[in-house]
Amino acid sequence: MNGLLFLIPVAIGLGLIGLGAFFWAMRSGQFDDPEGSAARILMDDDED
């Protein structure tokens, strides 16, 4: 029982940290153009 009194707040805290990191990534534009980056790696930019 004493373990649960410690582990439940720790789990909730880690979940809130993860949620905060997700919202920070959304605000900073990390997920704006996922298809563009995937297609850009296939393009050959070598100009001879």
C-alpha atoms as a PDB file:
ATOM      1  CA  MET A   1       0.000   0.000   0.000  1.00  0.00           C
ATOM      2  CA  ASN A   2       2.848   2.385   0.760  1.00  0.00           C
ATOM      3  CA  GLY A   3       4.270   1.704  -2.696  1.00  0.00           C
ATOM      4  CA  LEU A   4       1.037   2.814  -4.351  1.00  0.00           C
ATOM      5  CA  LEU A   5       1.072   6.068  -2.434  1.00  0.00           C
ATOM      6  CA  PHE A   6       4.412   6.784  -4.079  1.00  0.00           C
ATOM      7  CA  LEU A   7       3.922   5.250  -7.528  1.00  0.00           C
ATOM      8  CA  ILE A   8       0.542   6.779  -8.424  1.00  0.00           C
ATOM      9  CA  PRO A   9       1.706  10.420  -8.091  1.00  0.00           C
ATOM     10  CA  VAL A  10       4.927   9.570  -9.935  1.00  0.00           C
ATOM     11  CA  ALA A  11       2.948   8.014 -12.799  1.00  0.00           C
ATOM     12  CA  ILE A  12       0.602  11.003 -12.968  1.00  0.00           C
ATOM     13  CA  GLY A  13       3.575  13.380 -12.920  1.00  0.00           C
ATOM     14  CA  LEU A  14       5.332  11.534 -15.746  1.00  0.00           C
ATOM     15  CA  GLY A  15       2.115  11.544 -17.755  1.00  0.00           C
ATOM     16  CA  LEU A  16       1.767  15.298 -17.299  1.00  0.00           C
ATOM     17  CA  ILE A  17       5.382  15.820 -18.344  1.00  0.00           C
ATOM     18  CA  GLY A  18       4.776  13.767 -21.490  1.00  0.00           C
ATOM     19  CA  LEU A  19       1.590  15.694 -22.251  1.00  0.00           C
ATOM     20  CA  GLY A  20       3.429  18.973 -21.764  1.00  0.00           C
ATOM     21  CA  ALA A  21       6.208  17.834 -24.123  1.00  0.00           C
ATOM     22  CA  PHE A  22       3.605  16.884 -26.734  1.00  0.00           C
ATOM     23  CA  PHE A  23       1.887  20.280 -26.551  1.00  0.00           C
ATOM     24  CA  TRP A  24       5.271  22.035 -26.696  1.00  0.00           C
ATOM     25  CA  ALA A  25       6.123  20.083 -29.863  1.00  0.00           C
ATOM     26  CA  MET A  26       2.767  21.006 -31.393  1.00  0.00           C
ATOM     27  CA  ARG A  27       3.297  24.717 -30.639  1.00  0.00           C
ATOM     28  CA  SER A  28       6.856  24.762 -31.965  1.00  0.00           C
ATOM     29  CA  GLY A  29       5.815  23.274 -35.331  1.00  0.00           C
ATOM     30  CA  GLN A  30       7.360  19.812 -35.084  1.00  0.00           C
ATOM     31  CA  PHE A  31       4.385  18.179 -36.821  1.00  0.00           C
ATOM     32  CA  ASP A  32       3.658  20.761 -39.524  1.00  0.00           C
ATOM     33  CA  ASP A  33       4.734  18.885 -42.672  1.00  0.00           C
ATOM     34  CA  PRO A  34       5.517  15.197 -42.086  1.00  0.00           C
ATOM     35  CA  GLU A  35       4.968  14.172 -45.743  1.00  0.00           C
ATOM     36  CA  GLY A  36       7.221  16.931 -47.075  1.00  0.00           C
ATOM     37  CA  SER A  37      10.213  15.669 -45.144  1.00  0.00           C
ATOM     38  CA  ALA A  38       9.594  12.090 -46.267  1.00  0.00           C
ATOM     39  CA  ALA A  39       9.430  13.120 -49.933  1.00  0.00           C
ATOM     40  CA  ARG A  40      12.377  15.518 -49.661  1.00  0.00           C
ATOM     41  CA  ILE A  41      14.776  12.715 -48.722  1.00  0.00           C
ATOM     42  CA  LEU A  42      14.011  10.952 -52.028  1.00  0.00           C
ATOM     43  CA  MET A  43      14.830  13.974 -54.216  1.00  0.00           C
ATOM     44  CA  ASP A  44      18.253  14.198 -55.801  1.00  0.00           C
ATOM     45  CA  ASP A  45      19.660  17.689 -55.336  1.00  0.00           C
ATOM     46  CA  ASP A  46      22.936  17.090 -57.190  1.00  0.00           C
ATOM     47  CA  GLU A  47      23.409  19.615 -59.980  1.00  0.00           C
ATOM     48  CA  ASP A  48      26.195  18.750 -62.371  1.00  0.00           C
END
